[in-house]
Amino acid sequence: MVRLPLTPAELERGQRLGALLRRARGQRSMLETALDARVSPETLRKIESGRVATPAFPTIAAIADVLGLSLDAVWAEINQPERVVVPTGSGRNAPARLAS
């Protein structure tokens, strides 16, 4: 099976997911969190660092449960609308606007 490269949007969602899990974990150790979620510490490390941008749903559900996060909160965090700067004019010094 050939795995297609991840899109920039998928990579960005993976980074947001990792940041959310790190914040939610707080001072709790990675080892304790991983063991409580029944995932390997290496898996949790890869997810938190964004190296695994599209982890399996059961893995995220288990980690979220251990951290007291609702899956709705996780979904809302990782699917924030992207903000892209779009030039409004043709000139070099033309103002830019944010688009979502």
C-alpha atoms as a PDB file:
ATOM      1  CA  MET A   1       0.000   0.000   0.000  1.00  0.00           C
ATOM      2  CA  VAL A   2       1.377   3.374  -0.990  1.00  0.00           C
ATOM      3  CA  ARG A   3       0.774   6.189   1.458  1.00  0.00           C
ATOM      4  CA  LEU A   4       0.289   9.581  -0.162  1.00  0.00           C
ATOM      5  CA  PRO A   5       2.245  12.524   1.246  1.00  0.00           C
ATOM      6  CA  LEU A   6       0.339  14.638   3.723  1.00  0.00           C
ATOM      7  CA  THR A   7      -0.970  17.994   2.605  1.00  0.00           C
ATOM      8  CA  PRO A   8       0.195  21.187   4.295  1.00  0.00           C
ATOM      9  CA  ALA A   9      -3.264  21.457   5.908  1.00  0.00           C
ATOM     10  CA  GLU A  10      -2.942  17.942   7.370  1.00  0.00           C
ATOM     11  CA  LEU A  11       0.513  18.741   8.708  1.00  0.00           C
ATOM     12  CA  GLU A  12      -0.785  21.951  10.295  1.00  0.00           C
ATOM     13  CA  ARG A  13      -3.690  20.087  11.928  1.00  0.00           C
ATOM     14  CA  GLY A  14      -1.173  17.600  13.312  1.00  0.00           C
ATOM     15  CA  GLN A  15       0.842  20.455  14.826  1.00  0.00           C
ATOM     16  CA  ARG A  16      -2.308  21.926  16.410  1.00  0.00           C
ATOM     17  CA  LEU A  17      -3.270  18.506  17.794  1.00  0.00           C
ATOM     18  CA  GLY A  18       0.179  18.027  19.318  1.00  0.00           C
ATOM     19  CA  ALA A  19       0.122  21.480  20.903  1.00  0.00           C
ATOM     20  CA  LEU A  20      -3.342  20.858  22.355  1.00  0.00           C
ATOM     21  CA  LEU A  21      -2.284  17.550  23.897  1.00  0.00           C
ATOM     22  CA  ARG A  22       0.895  19.062  25.355  1.00  0.00           C
ATOM     23  CA  ARG A  23      -1.100  21.916  26.928  1.00  0.00           C
ATOM     24  CA  ALA A  24      -3.719  19.526  28.310  1.00  0.00           C
ATOM     25  CA  ARG A  25      -1.043  17.227  29.726  1.00  0.00           C
ATOM     26  CA  GLY A  26       0.487  20.126  31.667  1.00  0.00           C
ATOM     27  CA  GLN A  27       2.906  18.872  34.319  1.00  0.00           C
ATOM     28  CA  ARG A  28       1.759  15.267  33.986  1.00  0.00           C
ATOM     29  CA  SER A  29       4.522  13.045  32.639  1.00  0.00           C
ATOM     30  CA  MET A  30       4.419  11.762  29.098  1.00  0.00           C
ATOM     31  CA  LEU A  31       5.069   8.237  30.365  1.00  0.00           C
ATOM     32  CA  GLU A  32       2.173   8.317  32.843  1.00  0.00           C
ATOM     33  CA  THR A  33      -0.196   9.767  30.242  1.00  0.00           C
ATOM     34  CA  ALA A  34       0.795   7.238  27.596  1.00  0.00           C
ATOM     35  CA  LEU A  35       0.489   4.265  29.928  1.00  0.00           C
ATOM     36  CA  ASP A  36      -2.911   5.430  31.214  1.00  0.00           C
ATOM     37  CA  ALA A  37      -4.099   5.795  27.592  1.00  0.00           C
ATOM     38  CA  ARG A  38      -2.599   2.394  26.721  1.00  0.00           C
ATOM     39  CA  VAL A  39      -0.391   3.792  23.969  1.00  0.00           C
ATOM     40  CA  SER A  40       3.373   3.704  23.824  1.00  0.00           C
ATOM     41  CA  PRO A  41       5.264   6.738  25.106  1.00  0.00           C
ATOM     42  CA  GLU A  42       6.927   6.943  21.678  1.00  0.00           C
ATOM     43  CA  THR A  43       3.514   7.182  20.001  1.00  0.00           C
ATOM     44  CA  LEU A  44       2.470  10.002  22.310  1.00  0.00           C
ATOM     45  CA  ARG A  45       5.822  11.741  21.743  1.00  0.00           C
ATOM     46  CA  LYS A  46       5.381  11.541  17.970  1.00  0.00           C
ATOM     47  CA  ILE A  47       1.812  12.858  18.132  1.00  0.00           C
ATOM     48  CA  GLU A  48       2.756  15.728  20.432  1.00  0.00           C
ATOM     49  CA  SER A  49       5.688  16.698  18.225  1.00  0.00           C
ATOM     50  CA  GLY A  50       3.558  16.583  15.069  1.00  0.00           C
ATOM     51  CA  ARG A  51       5.581  13.721  13.556  1.00  0.00           C
ATOM     52  CA  VAL A  52       2.382  11.669  13.361  1.00  0.00           C
ATOM     53  CA  ALA A  53      -0.010  14.211  11.902  1.00  0.00           C
ATOM     54  CA  THR A  54      -2.905  11.816  11.318  1.00  0.00           C
ATOM     55  CA  PRO A  55      -3.044   9.397  14.268  1.00  0.00           C
ATOM     56  CA  ALA A  56      -5.729   6.738  14.505  1.00  0.00           C
ATOM     57  CA  PHE A  57      -9.036   7.827  16.010  1.00  0.00           C
ATOM     58  CA  PRO A  58      -8.970   5.266  18.873  1.00  0.00           C
ATOM     59  CA  THR A  59      -5.525   6.536  19.861  1.00  0.00           C
ATOM     60  CA  ILE A  60      -6.688  10.141  20.054  1.00  0.00           C
ATOM     61  CA  ALA A  61      -9.895   9.120  21.830  1.00  0.00           C
ATOM     62  CA  ALA A  62      -7.899   7.255  24.493  1.00  0.00           C
ATOM     63  CA  ILE A  63      -5.440  10.116  25.041  1.00  0.00           C
ATOM     64  CA  ALA A  64      -8.229  12.711  25.135  1.00  0.00           C
ATOM     65  CA  ASP A  65     -10.112  10.626  27.700  1.00  0.00           C
ATOM     66  CA  VAL A  66      -7.058  10.370  29.967  1.00  0.00           C
ATOM     67  CA  LEU A  67      -6.490  14.135  29.691  1.00  0.00           C
ATOM     68  CA  GLY A  68     -10.137  14.990  30.317  1.00  0.00           C
ATOM     69  CA  LEU A  69     -10.639  16.476  26.850  1.00  0.00           C
ATOM     70  CA  SER A  70     -13.879  16.050  24.976  1.00  0.00           C
ATOM     71  CA  LEU A  71     -13.549  14.886  21.399  1.00  0.00           C
ATOM     72  CA  ASP A  72     -15.624  17.921  20.418  1.00  0.00           C
ATOM     73  CA  ALA A  73     -12.969  20.192  21.942  1.00  0.00           C
ATOM     74  CA  VAL A  74     -10.201  18.313  20.149  1.00  0.00           C
ATOM     75  CA  TRP A  75     -12.072  18.525  16.836  1.00  0.00           C
ATOM     76  CA  ALA A  76     -12.748  22.247  17.259  1.00  0.00           C
ATOM     77  CA  GLU A  77      -9.103  22.960  18.084  1.00  0.00           C
ATOM     78  CA  ILE A  78      -7.540  21.062  15.211  1.00  0.00           C
ATOM     79  CA  ASN A  79     -10.016  22.253  12.591  1.00  0.00           C
ATOM     80  CA  GLN A  80      -9.718  25.964  13.147  1.00  0.00           C
ATOM     81  CA  PRO A  81     -10.125  27.866   9.902  1.00  0.00           C
ATOM     82  CA  GLU A  82      -6.811  28.645   8.318  1.00  0.00           C
ATOM     83  CA  ARG A  83      -5.901  32.269   7.848  1.00  0.00           C
ATOM     84  CA  VAL A  84      -4.307  33.035   4.528  1.00  0.00           C
ATOM     85  CA  VAL A  85      -2.954  36.410   3.443  1.00  0.00           C
ATOM     86  CA  VAL A  86      -4.416  37.354   0.088  1.00  0.00           C
ATOM     87  CA  PRO A  87      -3.047  40.367  -1.816  1.00  0.00           C
ATOM     88  CA  THR A  88      -5.788  42.859  -2.686  1.00  0.00           C
ATOM     89  CA  GLY A  89      -3.995  44.750  -5.417  1.00  0.00           C
ATOM     90  CA  SER A  90      -1.579  44.113  -8.190  1.00  0.00           C
ATOM     91  CA  GLY A  91       1.094  46.461  -6.935  1.00  0.00           C
ATOM     92  CA  ARG A  92       4.065  45.479  -4.844  1.00  0.00           C
ATOM     93  CA  ASN A  93       3.019  47.712  -1.938  1.00  0.00           C
ATOM     94  CA  ALA A  94      -0.668  46.876  -2.185  1.00  0.00           C
ATOM     95  CA  PRO A  95      -2.370  46.127   1.139  1.00  0.00           C
ATOM     96  CA  ALA A  96      -3.147  42.544   2.043  1.00  0.00           C
ATOM     97  CA  ARG A  97      -6.228  41.118   3.723  1.00  0.00           C
ATOM     98  CA  LEU A  98      -6.847  37.979   5.704  1.00  0.00           C
ATOM     99  CA  ALA A  99      -9.100  35.368   4.198  1.00  0.00           C
ATOM    100  CA  SER A 100     -10.409  32.191   5.734  1.00  0.00           C
END
